[in-house]
Amino acid sequence: MTGRLGYRWNLRAVMAARGLFATTQLAPLLAERGIRLSDTQVYRLVTGTPQRLSLEVLMALCDIFDVTPSDLIEPVRETRPARKRAAGDSGTAAPKTLRPVRARITPPEPQ
């Protein structure tokens, strides 16, 4: 098994624990703290896992919900199973001599 470090974004669970269930309720709370996001951006922030997040937005979310960044972002180890190999495969590349032969299509012979 190979693994890499990932993260789990818990904003939706934190919102639910505080009684906020609609993404539209979050936009005015962010605006009070100087963060202006469109409805679409707020929706993506809540329902998805952001790839990039400004520290201003993160600190505003921490202030709104009275949590720490570690409550919103949980590190997790993502494991991927090792690649399966075909039976009898030694893990080396196939010899270059094994290549498909191009098909040659000829018209049928007259009868």
PDB file of N, CA and C in Angstrom:
ATOM      1  N   MET A   1       0.832  -1.180   0.000  1.00  0.00           N
ATOM      2  CA  MET A   1       0.000   0.000   0.000  1.00  0.00           C
ATOM      3  C   MET A   1       0.876   1.242   0.000  1.00  0.00           C
ATOM      4  N   THR A   2       0.541   2.143  -0.883  1.00  0.00           N
ATOM      5  CA  THR A   2       1.227   3.421  -0.889  1.00  0.00           C
ATOM      6  C   THR A   2       0.267   4.457  -0.346  1.00  0.00           C
ATOM      7  N   GLY A   3       0.797   5.548   0.131  1.00  0.00           N
ATOM      8  CA  GLY A   3      -0.083   6.568   0.705  1.00  0.00           C
ATOM      9  C   GLY A   3       0.493   7.950   0.530  1.00  0.00           C
ATOM     10  N   ARG A   4      -0.377   8.893   0.615  1.00  0.00           N
ATOM     11  CA  ARG A   4       0.041  10.287   0.592  1.00  0.00           C
ATOM     12  C   ARG A   4      -0.856  11.030   1.558  1.00  0.00           C
ATOM     13  N   LEU A   5      -0.398  12.171   1.981  1.00  0.00           N
ATOM     14  CA  LEU A   5      -1.147  12.937   2.960  1.00  0.00           C
ATOM     15  C   LEU A   5      -2.227  13.746   2.265  1.00  0.00           C
ATOM     16  N   GLY A   6      -3.434  13.626   2.769  1.00  0.00           N
ATOM     17  CA  GLY A   6      -4.559  14.390   2.248  1.00  0.00           C
ATOM     18  C   GLY A   6      -5.243  15.107   3.395  1.00  0.00           C
ATOM     19  N   TYR A   7      -6.441  15.561   3.167  1.00  0.00           N
ATOM     20  CA  TYR A   7      -7.167  16.245   4.225  1.00  0.00           C
ATOM     21  C   TYR A   7      -8.661  16.071   4.025  1.00  0.00           C
ATOM     22  N   ARG A   8      -9.377  16.205   5.103  1.00  0.00           N
ATOM     23  CA  ARG A   8     -10.835  16.150   5.089  1.00  0.00           C
ATOM     24  C   ARG A   8     -11.338  17.532   5.485  1.00  0.00           C
ATOM     25  N   TRP A   9     -12.238  18.080   4.695  1.00  0.00           N
ATOM     26  CA  TRP A   9     -12.791  19.413   4.921  1.00  0.00           C
ATOM     27  C   TRP A   9     -14.105  19.245   5.673  1.00  0.00           C
ATOM     28  N   ASN A  10     -14.176  19.731   6.910  1.00  0.00           N
ATOM     29  CA  ASN A  10     -15.310  19.491   7.796  1.00  0.00           C
ATOM     30  C   ASN A  10     -16.240  20.697   7.962  1.00  0.00           C
ATOM     31  N   LEU A  11     -16.237  21.638   7.041  1.00  0.00           N
ATOM     32  CA  LEU A  11     -17.054  22.841   7.204  1.00  0.00           C
ATOM     33  C   LEU A  11     -18.536  22.501   7.300  1.00  0.00           C
ATOM     34  N   ARG A  12     -19.002  21.596   6.462  1.00  0.00           N
ATOM     35  CA  ARG A  12     -20.427  21.266   6.475  1.00  0.00           C
ATOM     36  C   ARG A  12     -20.853  20.688   7.825  1.00  0.00           C
ATOM     37  N   ALA A  13     -20.030  19.816   8.411  1.00  0.00           N
ATOM     38  CA  ALA A  13     -20.346  19.225   9.716  1.00  0.00           C
ATOM     39  C   ALA A  13     -20.305  20.284  10.817  1.00  0.00           C
ATOM     40  N   VAL A  14     -19.341  21.201  10.741  1.00  0.00           N
ATOM     41  CA  VAL A  14     -19.241  22.277  11.737  1.00  0.00           C
ATOM     42  C   VAL A  14     -20.468  23.188  11.641  1.00  0.00           C
ATOM     43  N   MET A  15     -20.880  23.482  10.418  1.00  0.00           N
ATOM     44  CA  MET A  15     -22.078  24.308  10.240  1.00  0.00           C
ATOM     45  C   MET A  15     -23.303  23.615  10.830  1.00  0.00           C
ATOM     46  N   ALA A  16     -23.467  22.338  10.567  1.00  0.00           N
ATOM     47  CA  ALA A  16     -24.626  21.596  11.062  1.00  0.00           C
ATOM     48  C   ALA A  16     -24.623  21.548  12.588  1.00  0.00           C
ATOM     49  N   ALA A  17     -23.444  21.407  13.181  1.00  0.00           N
ATOM     50  CA  ALA A  17     -23.358  21.380  14.645  1.00  0.00           C
ATOM     51  C   ALA A  17     -23.781  22.720  15.248  1.00  0.00           C
ATOM     52  N   ARG A  18     -23.659  23.806  14.485  1.00  0.00           N
ATOM     53  CA  ARG A  18     -24.039  25.138  14.965  1.00  0.00           C
ATOM     54  C   ARG A  18     -25.435  25.549  14.505  1.00  0.00           C
ATOM     55  N   GLY A  19     -26.134  24.631  13.832  1.00  0.00           N
ATOM     56  CA  GLY A  19     -27.503  24.913  13.418  1.00  0.00           C
ATOM     57  C   GLY A  19     -27.643  25.623  12.087  1.00  0.00           C
ATOM     58  N   LEU A  20     -26.586  25.735  11.305  1.00  0.00           N
ATOM     59  CA  LEU A  20     -26.660  26.333   9.973  1.00  0.00           C
ATOM     60  C   LEU A  20     -26.702  25.207   8.955  1.00  0.00           C
ATOM     61  N   PHE A  21     -27.798  25.139   8.204  1.00  0.00           N
ATOM     62  CA  PHE A  21     -27.952  24.059   7.252  1.00  0.00           C
ATOM     63  C   PHE A  21     -28.009  24.538   5.811  1.00  0.00           C
ATOM     64  N   ALA A  22     -28.135  25.822   5.580  1.00  0.00           N
ATOM     65  CA  ALA A  22     -28.186  26.373   4.231  1.00  0.00           C
ATOM     66  C   ALA A  22     -26.933  27.199   3.971  1.00  0.00           C
ATOM     67  N   THR A  23     -26.384  27.040   2.769  1.00  0.00           N
ATOM     68  CA  THR A  23     -25.174  27.803   2.434  1.00  0.00           C
ATOM     69  C   THR A  23     -25.466  29.298   2.364  1.00  0.00           C
ATOM     70  N   THR A  24     -26.711  29.659   2.097  1.00  0.00           N
ATOM     71  CA  THR A  24     -27.052  31.081   2.015  1.00  0.00           C
ATOM     72  C   THR A  24     -26.967  31.760   3.378  1.00  0.00           C
ATOM     73  N   GLN A  25     -27.005  31.013   4.454  1.00  0.00           N
ATOM     74  CA  GLN A  25     -26.888  31.601   5.792  1.00  0.00           C
ATOM     75  C   GLN A  25     -25.450  31.989   6.114  1.00  0.00           C
ATOM     76  N   LEU A  26     -24.484  31.401   5.397  1.00  0.00           N
ATOM     77  CA  LEU A  26     -23.075  31.667   5.687  1.00  0.00           C
ATOM     78  C   LEU A  26     -22.576  32.959   5.041  1.00  0.00           C
ATOM     79  N   ALA A  27     -23.090  33.307   3.869  1.00  0.00           N
ATOM     80  CA  ALA A  27     -22.599  34.488   3.139  1.00  0.00           C
ATOM     81  C   ALA A  27     -22.697  35.771   3.957  1.00  0.00           C
ATOM     82  N   PRO A  28     -23.828  36.071   4.641  1.00  0.00           N
ATOM     83  CA  PRO A  28     -23.879  37.308   5.433  1.00  0.00           C
ATOM     84  C   PRO A  28     -22.904  37.296   6.608  1.00  0.00           C
ATOM     85  N   LEU A  29     -22.673  36.135   7.185  1.00  0.00           N
ATOM     86  CA  LEU A  29     -21.724  36.044   8.305  1.00  0.00           C
ATOM     87  C   LEU A  29     -20.302  36.323   7.827  1.00  0.00           C
ATOM     88  N   LEU A  30     -19.979  35.856   6.636  1.00  0.00           N
ATOM     89  CA  LEU A  30     -18.660  36.153   6.068  1.00  0.00           C
ATOM     90  C   LEU A  30     -18.561  37.632   5.713  1.00  0.00           C
ATOM     91  N   ALA A  31     -19.646  38.196   5.183  1.00  0.00           N
ATOM     92  CA  ALA A  31     -19.643  39.614   4.791  1.00  0.00           C
ATOM     93  C   ALA A  31     -19.430  40.518   6.001  1.00  0.00           C
ATOM     94  N   GLU A  32     -19.963  40.128   7.154  1.00  0.00           N
ATOM     95  CA  GLU A  32     -19.740  40.917   8.376  1.00  0.00           C
ATOM     96  C   GLU A  32     -18.262  41.001   8.729  1.00  0.00           C
ATOM     97  N   ARG A  33     -17.493  40.033   8.283  1.00  0.00           N
ATOM     98  CA  ARG A  33     -16.055  39.990   8.578  1.00  0.00           C
ATOM     99  C   ARG A  33     -15.213  40.438   7.395  1.00  0.00           C
ATOM    100  N   GLY A  34     -15.850  41.060   6.407  1.00  0.00           N
ATOM    101  CA  GLY A  34     -15.121  41.623   5.271  1.00  0.00           C
ATOM    102  C   GLY A  34     -14.826  40.643   4.159  1.00  0.00           C
ATOM    103  N   ILE A  35     -15.420  39.474   4.184  1.00  0.00           N
ATOM    104  CA  ILE A  35     -15.200  38.476   3.135  1.00  0.00           C
ATOM    105  C   ILE A  35     -16.416  38.478   2.222  1.00  0.00           C
ATOM    106  N   ARG A  36     -16.223  38.914   0.998  1.00  0.00           N
ATOM    107  CA  ARG A  36     -17.322  38.977   0.037  1.00  0.00           C
ATOM    108  C   ARG A  36     -17.153  37.833  -0.963  1.00  0.00           C
ATOM    109  N   LEU A  37     -18.038  36.861  -0.889  1.00  0.00           N
ATOM    110  CA  LEU A  37     -18.037  35.735  -1.814  1.00  0.00           C
ATOM    111  C   LEU A  37     -19.405  35.644  -2.468  1.00  0.00           C
ATOM    112  N   SER A  38     -19.413  35.196  -3.727  1.00  0.00           N
ATOM    113  CA  SER A  38     -20.692  35.003  -4.413  1.00  0.00           C
ATOM    114  C   SER A  38     -21.393  33.782  -3.823  1.00  0.00           C
ATOM    115  N   ASP A  39     -22.677  33.656  -4.127  1.00  0.00           N
ATOM    116  CA  ASP A  39     -23.434  32.499  -3.645  1.00  0.00           C
ATOM    117  C   ASP A  39     -22.814  31.196  -4.140  1.00  0.00           C
ATOM    118  N   THR A  40     -22.332  31.205  -5.380  1.00  0.00           N
ATOM    119  CA  THR A  40     -21.703  30.017  -5.946  1.00  0.00           C
ATOM    120  C   THR A  40     -20.418  29.676  -5.204  1.00  0.00           C
ATOM    121  N   GLN A  41     -19.619  30.677  -4.889  1.00  0.00           N
ATOM    122  CA  GLN A  41     -18.370  30.431  -4.167  1.00  0.00           C
ATOM    123  C   GLN A  41     -18.642  29.888  -2.771  1.00  0.00           C
ATOM    124  N   VAL A  42     -19.640  30.413  -2.096  1.00  0.00           N
ATOM    125  CA  VAL A  42     -19.987  29.918  -0.760  1.00  0.00           C
ATOM    126  C   VAL A  42     -20.481  28.484  -0.860  1.00  0.00           C
ATOM    127  N   TYR A  43     -21.299  28.189  -1.854  1.00  0.00           N
ATOM    128  CA  TYR A  43     -21.810  26.833  -2.044  1.00  0.00           C
ATOM    129  C   TYR A  43     -20.660  25.851  -2.250  1.00  0.00           C
ATOM    130  N   ARG A  44     -19.710  26.207  -3.116  1.00  0.00           N
ATOM    131  CA  ARG A  44     -18.549  25.338  -3.364  1.00  0.00           C
ATOM    132  C   ARG A  44     -17.692  25.186  -2.114  1.00  0.00           C
ATOM    133  N   LEU A  45     -17.561  26.252  -1.346  1.00  0.00           N
ATOM    134  CA  LEU A  45     -16.773  26.202  -0.119  1.00  0.00           C
ATOM    135  C   LEU A  45     -17.382  25.215   0.878  1.00  0.00           C
ATOM    136  N   VAL A  46     -18.698  25.194   0.958  1.00  0.00           N
ATOM    137  CA  VAL A  46     -19.384  24.341   1.931  1.00  0.00           C
ATOM    138  C   VAL A  46     -19.495  22.904   1.434  1.00  0.00           C
ATOM    139  N   THR A  47     -19.877  22.711   0.182  1.00  0.00           N
ATOM    140  CA  THR A  47     -20.179  21.367  -0.304  1.00  0.00           C
ATOM    141  C   THR A  47     -18.978  20.622  -0.854  1.00  0.00           C
ATOM    142  N   GLY A  48     -17.952  21.342  -1.250  1.00  0.00           N
ATOM    143  CA  GLY A  48     -16.783  20.691  -1.822  1.00  0.00           C
ATOM    144  C   GLY A  48     -15.593  20.741  -0.881  1.00  0.00           C
ATOM    145  N   THR A  49     -14.479  20.258  -1.379  1.00  0.00           N
ATOM    146  CA  THR A  49     -13.220  20.324  -0.639  1.00  0.00           C
ATOM    147  C   THR A  49     -12.320  21.307  -1.375  1.00  0.00           C
ATOM    148  N   PRO A  50     -12.042  22.461  -0.772  1.00  0.00           N
ATOM    149  CA  PRO A  50     -11.258  23.471  -1.492  1.00  0.00           C
ATOM    150  C   PRO A  50      -9.806  23.033  -1.687  1.00  0.00           C
ATOM    151  N   GLN A  51      -9.276  23.326  -2.861  1.00  0.00           N
ATOM    152  CA  GLN A  51      -7.863  23.064  -3.143  1.00  0.00           C
ATOM    153  C   GLN A  51      -6.998  24.197  -2.609  1.00  0.00           C
ATOM    154  N   ARG A  52      -7.530  25.405  -2.681  1.00  0.00           N
ATOM    155  CA  ARG A  52      -6.842  26.588  -2.160  1.00  0.00           C
ATOM    156  C   ARG A  52      -7.829  27.368  -1.316  1.00  0.00           C
ATOM    157  N   LEU A  53      -7.327  27.918  -0.220  1.00  0.00           N
ATOM    158  CA  LEU A  53      -8.186  28.668   0.679  1.00  0.00           C
ATOM    159  C   LEU A  53      -7.351  29.782   1.289  1.00  0.00           C
ATOM    160  N   SER A  54      -7.832  31.014   1.177  1.00  0.00           N
ATOM    161  CA  SER A  54      -7.069  32.127   1.734  1.00  0.00           C
ATOM    162  C   SER A  54      -7.143  32.084   3.261  1.00  0.00           C
ATOM    163  N   LEU A  55      -6.124  32.591   3.883  1.00  0.00           N
ATOM    164  CA  LEU A  55      -6.094  32.622   5.346  1.00  0.00           C
ATOM    165  C   LEU A  55      -7.177  33.532   5.901  1.00  0.00           C
ATOM    166  N   GLU A  56      -7.542  34.581   5.159  1.00  0.00           N
ATOM    167  CA  GLU A  56      -8.602  35.468   5.612  1.00  0.00           C
ATOM    168  C   GLU A  56      -9.929  34.719   5.713  1.00  0.00           C
ATOM    169  N   VAL A  57     -10.227  33.894   4.716  1.00  0.00           N
ATOM    170  CA  VAL A  57     -11.468  33.112   4.737  1.00  0.00           C
ATOM    171  C   VAL A  57     -11.411  32.082   5.857  1.00  0.00           C
ATOM    172  N   LEU A  58     -10.267  31.420   6.007  1.00  0.00           N
ATOM    173  CA  LEU A  58     -10.122  30.424   7.067  1.00  0.00           C
ATOM    174  C   LEU A  58     -10.303  31.057   8.451  1.00  0.00           C
ATOM    175  N   MET A  59      -9.694  32.213   8.668  1.00  0.00           N
ATOM    176  CA  MET A  59      -9.821  32.873   9.966  1.00  0.00           C
ATOM    177  C   MET A  59     -11.246  33.372  10.198  1.00  0.00           C
ATOM    178  N   ALA A  60     -11.920  33.825   9.134  1.00  0.00           N
ATOM    179  CA  ALA A  60     -13.316  34.252   9.275  1.00  0.00           C
ATOM    180  C   ALA A  60     -14.200  33.064   9.656  1.00  0.00           C
ATOM    181  N   LEU A  61     -13.976  31.918   9.023  1.00  0.00           N
ATOM    182  CA  LEU A  61     -14.751  30.724   9.370  1.00  0.00           C
ATOM    183  C   LEU A  61     -14.491  30.298  10.814  1.00  0.00           C
ATOM    184  N   CYS A  62     -13.237  30.368  11.240  1.00  0.00           N
ATOM    185  CA  CYS A  62     -12.904  30.024  12.629  1.00  0.00           C
ATOM    186  C   CYS A  62     -13.594  30.974  13.601  1.00  0.00           C
ATOM    187  N   ASP A  63     -13.661  32.259  13.253  1.00  0.00           N
ATOM    188  CA  ASP A  63     -14.313  33.243  14.114  1.00  0.00           C
ATOM    189  C   ASP A  63     -15.824  33.027  14.151  1.00  0.00           C
ATOM    190  N   ILE A  64     -16.420  32.757  12.990  1.00  0.00           N
ATOM    191  CA  ILE A  64     -17.869  32.559  12.920  1.00  0.00           C
ATOM    192  C   ILE A  64     -18.304  31.385  13.785  1.00  0.00           C
ATOM    193  N   PHE A  65     -17.587  30.275  13.681  1.00  0.00           N
ATOM    194  CA  PHE A  65     -18.012  29.052  14.359  1.00  0.00           C
ATOM    195  C   PHE A  65     -17.270  28.794  15.667  1.00  0.00           C
ATOM    196  N   ASP A  66     -16.379  29.713  16.045  1.00  0.00           N
ATOM    197  CA  ASP A  66     -15.603  29.591  17.280  1.00  0.00           C
ATOM    198  C   ASP A  66     -14.884  28.240  17.343  1.00  0.00           C
ATOM    199  N   VAL A  67     -14.127  27.957  16.259  1.00  0.00           N
ATOM    200  CA  VAL A  67     -13.358  26.721  16.163  1.00  0.00           C
ATOM    201  C   VAL A  67     -11.924  27.061  15.781  1.00  0.00           C
ATOM    202  N   THR A  68     -11.075  26.069  15.768  1.00  0.00           N
ATOM    203  CA  THR A  68      -9.698  26.240  15.317  1.00  0.00           C
ATOM    204  C   THR A  68      -9.582  25.681  13.903  1.00  0.00           C
ATOM    205  N   PRO A  69      -8.520  26.030  13.185  1.00  0.00           N
ATOM    206  CA  PRO A  69      -8.339  25.470  11.840  1.00  0.00           C
ATOM    207  C   PRO A  69      -8.319  23.936  11.829  1.00  0.00           C
ATOM    208  N   SER A  70      -7.816  23.331  12.899  1.00  0.00           N
ATOM    209  CA  SER A  70      -7.781  21.866  12.934  1.00  0.00           C
ATOM    210  C   SER A  70      -9.175  21.258  13.069  1.00  0.00           C
ATOM    211  N   ASP A  71     -10.158  22.039  13.486  1.00  0.00           N
ATOM    212  CA  ASP A  71     -11.535  21.542  13.510  1.00  0.00           C
ATOM    213  C   ASP A  71     -12.130  21.523  12.100  1.00  0.00           C
ATOM    214  N   LEU A  72     -11.667  22.425  11.257  1.00  0.00           N
ATOM    215  CA  LEU A  72     -12.165  22.499   9.885  1.00  0.00           C
ATOM    216  C   LEU A  72     -11.383  21.607   8.932  1.00  0.00           C
ATOM    217  N   ILE A  73     -10.084  21.489   9.156  1.00  0.00           N
ATOM    218  CA  ILE A  73      -9.218  20.730   8.258  1.00  0.00           C
ATOM    219  C   ILE A  73      -8.611  19.572   9.042  1.00  0.00           C
ATOM    220  N   GLU A  74      -8.964  18.371   8.659  1.00  0.00           N
ATOM    221  CA  GLU A  74      -8.472  17.178   9.347  1.00  0.00           C
ATOM    222  C   GLU A  74      -7.522  16.427   8.421  1.00  0.00           C
ATOM    223  N   PRO A  75      -6.245  16.284   8.810  1.00  0.00           N
ATOM    224  CA  PRO A  75      -5.318  15.551   7.946  1.00  0.00           C
ATOM    225  C   PRO A  75      -5.641  14.051   7.959  1.00  0.00           C
ATOM    226  N   VAL A  76      -5.573  13.432   6.798  1.00  0.00           N
ATOM    227  CA  VAL A  76      -5.806  11.997   6.670  1.00  0.00           C
ATOM    228  C   VAL A  76      -4.780  11.409   5.718  1.00  0.00           C
ATOM    229  N   ARG A  77      -4.434  10.169   5.954  1.00  0.00           N
ATOM    230  CA  ARG A  77      -3.524   9.471   5.050  1.00  0.00           C
ATOM    231  C   ARG A  77      -4.368   8.744   4.023  1.00  0.00           C
ATOM    232  N   GLU A  78      -4.163   9.097   2.767  1.00  0.00           N
ATOM    233  CA  GLU A  78      -4.885   8.460   1.676  1.00  0.00           C
ATOM    234  C   GLU A  78      -4.067   7.261   1.219  1.00  0.00           C
ATOM    235  N   THR A  79      -4.682   6.114   1.233  1.00  0.00           N
ATOM    236  CA  THR A  79      -3.976   4.911   0.793  1.00  0.00           C
ATOM    237  C   THR A  79      -4.521   4.465  -0.543  1.00  0.00           C
ATOM    238  N   ARG A  80      -3.612   4.055  -1.379  1.00  0.00           N
ATOM    239  CA  ARG A  80      -3.978   3.512  -2.673  1.00  0.00           C
ATOM    240  C   ARG A  80      -3.410   2.107  -2.741  1.00  0.00           C
ATOM    241  N   PRO A  81      -4.210   1.143  -3.146  1.00  0.00           N
ATOM    242  CA  PRO A  81      -3.671  -0.207  -3.243  1.00  0.00           C
ATOM    243  C   PRO A  81      -2.598  -0.277  -4.322  1.00  0.00           C
ATOM    244  N   ALA A  82      -1.650  -1.175  -4.127  1.00  0.00           N
ATOM    245  CA  ALA A  82      -0.599  -1.343  -5.124  1.00  0.00           C
ATOM    246  C   ALA A  82      -1.226  -1.829  -6.423  1.00  0.00           C
ATOM    247  N   ARG A  83      -0.604  -1.461  -7.527  1.00  0.00           N
ATOM    248  CA  ARG A  83      -1.133  -1.869  -8.833  1.00  0.00           C
ATOM    249  C   ARG A  83      -1.108  -3.371  -8.969  1.00  0.00           C
ATOM    250  N   LYS A  84      -2.170  -3.915  -9.475  1.00  0.00           N
ATOM    251  CA  LYS A  84      -2.225  -5.350  -9.704  1.00  0.00           C
ATOM    252  C   LYS A  84      -1.474  -5.669 -10.980  1.00  0.00           C
ATOM    253  N   ARG A  85      -0.783  -6.778 -10.942  1.00  0.00           N
ATOM    254  CA  ARG A  85      -0.040  -7.216 -12.116  1.00  0.00           C
ATOM    255  C   ARG A  85      -0.706  -8.449 -12.696  1.00  0.00           C
ATOM    256  N   ALA A  86      -0.523  -8.614 -13.980  1.00  0.00           N
ATOM    257  CA  ALA A  86      -1.082  -9.787 -14.639  1.00  0.00           C
ATOM    258  C   ALA A  86      -0.349 -11.031 -14.154  1.00  0.00           C
ATOM    259  N   ALA A  87      -1.009 -12.164 -14.215  1.00  0.00           N
ATOM    260  CA  ALA A  87      -0.388 -13.416 -13.789  1.00  0.00           C
ATOM    261  C   ALA A  87       0.864 -13.663 -14.620  1.00  0.00           C
ATOM    262  N   GLY A  88       1.927 -14.004 -13.962  1.00  0.00           N
ATOM    263  CA  GLY A  88       3.182 -14.283 -14.644  1.00  0.00           C
ATOM    264  C   GLY A  88       3.970 -13.043 -14.995  1.00  0.00           C
ATOM    265  N   ASP A  89       3.490 -11.897 -14.647  1.00  0.00           N
ATOM    266  CA  ASP A  89       4.186 -10.649 -14.944  1.00  0.00           C
ATOM    267  C   ASP A  89       5.286 -10.460 -13.921  1.00  0.00           C
ATOM    268  N   SER A  90       6.487 -10.268 -14.391  1.00  0.00           N
ATOM    269  CA  SER A  90       7.611 -10.088 -13.479  1.00  0.00           C
ATOM    270  C   SER A  90       7.821  -8.630 -13.124  1.00  0.00           C
ATOM    271  N   GLY A  91       6.994  -7.766 -13.659  1.00  0.00           N
ATOM    272  CA  GLY A  91       7.123  -6.351 -13.351  1.00  0.00           C
ATOM    273  C   GLY A  91       7.996  -5.613 -14.341  1.00  0.00           C
ATOM    274  N   THR A  92       8.554  -6.315 -15.324  1.00  0.00           N
ATOM    275  CA  THR A  92       9.385  -5.650 -16.312  1.00  0.00           C
ATOM    276  C   THR A  92       8.543  -5.317 -17.522  1.00  0.00           C
ATOM    277  N   ALA A  93       9.018  -4.405 -18.303  1.00  0.00           N
ATOM    278  CA  ALA A  93       8.294  -3.990 -19.492  1.00  0.00           C
ATOM    279  C   ALA A  93       8.319  -5.104 -20.532  1.00  0.00           C
ATOM    280  N   ALA A  94       7.313  -5.145 -21.375  1.00  0.00           N
ATOM    281  CA  ALA A  94       7.243  -6.155 -22.426  1.00  0.00           C
ATOM    282  C   ALA A  94       8.361  -5.901 -23.431  1.00  0.00           C
ATOM    283  N   PRO A  95       8.885  -6.956 -24.005  1.00  0.00           N
ATOM    284  CA  PRO A  95       9.941  -6.768 -25.012  1.00  0.00           C
ATOM    285  C   PRO A  95       9.412  -5.964 -26.183  1.00  0.00           C
ATOM    286  N   LYS A  96      10.293  -5.213 -26.797  1.00  0.00           N
ATOM    287  CA  LYS A  96       9.883  -4.348 -27.892  1.00  0.00           C
ATOM    288  C   LYS A  96       9.553  -5.134 -29.149  1.00  0.00           C
ATOM    289  N   THR A  97       9.920  -6.403 -29.198  1.00  0.00           N
ATOM    290  CA  THR A  97       9.633  -7.193 -30.386  1.00  0.00           C
ATOM    291  C   THR A  97       8.171  -7.584 -30.471  1.00  0.00           C
ATOM    292  N   LEU A  98       7.423  -7.520 -29.374  1.00  0.00           N
ATOM    293  CA  LEU A  98       6.017  -7.861 -29.392  1.00  0.00           C
ATOM    294  C   LEU A  98       5.197  -6.610 -29.711  1.00  0.00           C
ATOM    295  N   ARG A  99       4.875  -6.476 -30.984  1.00  0.00           N
ATOM    296  CA  ARG A  99       4.077  -5.344 -31.409  1.00  0.00           C
ATOM    297  C   ARG A  99       2.942  -5.857 -32.265  1.00  0.00           C
ATOM    298  N   PRO A 100       1.810  -5.199 -32.233  1.00  0.00           N
ATOM    299  CA  PRO A 100       0.707  -5.652 -33.071  1.00  0.00           C
ATOM    300  C   PRO A 100       1.056  -5.475 -34.550  1.00  0.00           C
ATOM    301  N   VAL A 101       0.532  -6.383 -35.355  1.00  0.00           N
ATOM    302  CA  VAL A 101       0.763  -6.317 -36.792  1.00  0.00           C
ATOM    303  C   VAL A 101      -0.443  -5.631 -37.421  1.00  0.00           C
ATOM    304  N   ARG A 102      -0.168  -4.680 -38.273  1.00  0.00           N
ATOM    305  CA  ARG A 102      -1.240  -3.933 -38.928  1.00  0.00           C
ATOM    306  C   ARG A 102      -2.017  -4.865 -39.849  1.00  0.00           C
ATOM    307  N   ALA A 103      -3.331  -4.790 -39.767  1.00  0.00           N
ATOM    308  CA  ALA A 103      -4.187  -5.615 -40.614  1.00  0.00           C
ATOM    309  C   ALA A 103      -4.175  -5.081 -42.032  1.00  0.00           C
ATOM    310  N   ARG A 104      -4.205  -5.998 -42.986  1.00  0.00           N
ATOM    311  CA  ARG A 104      -4.232  -5.613 -44.386  1.00  0.00           C
ATOM    312  C   ARG A 104      -5.571  -6.071 -44.943  1.00  0.00           C
ATOM    313  N   ILE A 105      -6.357  -5.130 -45.418  1.00  0.00           N
ATOM    314  CA  ILE A 105      -7.681  -5.450 -45.933  1.00  0.00           C
ATOM    315  C   ILE A 105      -7.587  -5.467 -47.454  1.00  0.00           C
ATOM    316  N   THR A 106      -7.991  -6.589 -48.040  1.00  0.00           N
ATOM    317  CA  THR A 106      -7.968  -6.717 -49.488  1.00  0.00           C
ATOM    318  C   THR A 106      -9.381  -6.962 -49.979  1.00  0.00           C
ATOM    319  N   PRO A 107      -9.666  -6.540 -51.194  1.00  0.00           N
ATOM    320  CA  PRO A 107     -10.997  -6.774 -51.720  1.00  0.00           C
ATOM    321  C   PRO A 107     -11.208  -8.271 -51.954  1.00  0.00           C
ATOM    322  N   PRO A 108     -12.436  -8.735 -51.891  1.00  0.00           N
ATOM    323  CA  PRO A 108     -12.674 -10.165 -52.125  1.00  0.00           C
ATOM    324  C   PRO A 108     -12.321 -10.539 -53.563  1.00  0.00           C
ATOM    325  N   GLU A 109     -11.881 -11.782 -53.739  1.00  0.00           N
ATOM    326  CA  GLU A 109     -11.518 -12.256 -55.087  1.00  0.00           C
ATOM    327  C   GLU A 109     -12.785 -12.516 -55.901  1.00  0.00           C
ATOM    328  N   PRO A 110     -12.757 -12.190 -57.175  1.00  0.00           N
ATOM    329  CA  PRO A 110     -13.934 -12.436 -58.006  1.00  0.00           C
ATOM    330  C   PRO A 110     -14.201 -13.938 -58.101  1.00  0.00           C
ATOM    331  N   GLN A 111     -15.441 -14.314 -58.235  1.00  0.00           N
ATOM    332  CA  GLN A 111     -15.797 -15.735 -58.278  1.00  0.00           C
ATOM    333  C   GLN A 111     -16.009 -16.210 -59.657  1.00  0.00           C
TER     334      GLN A 111
END
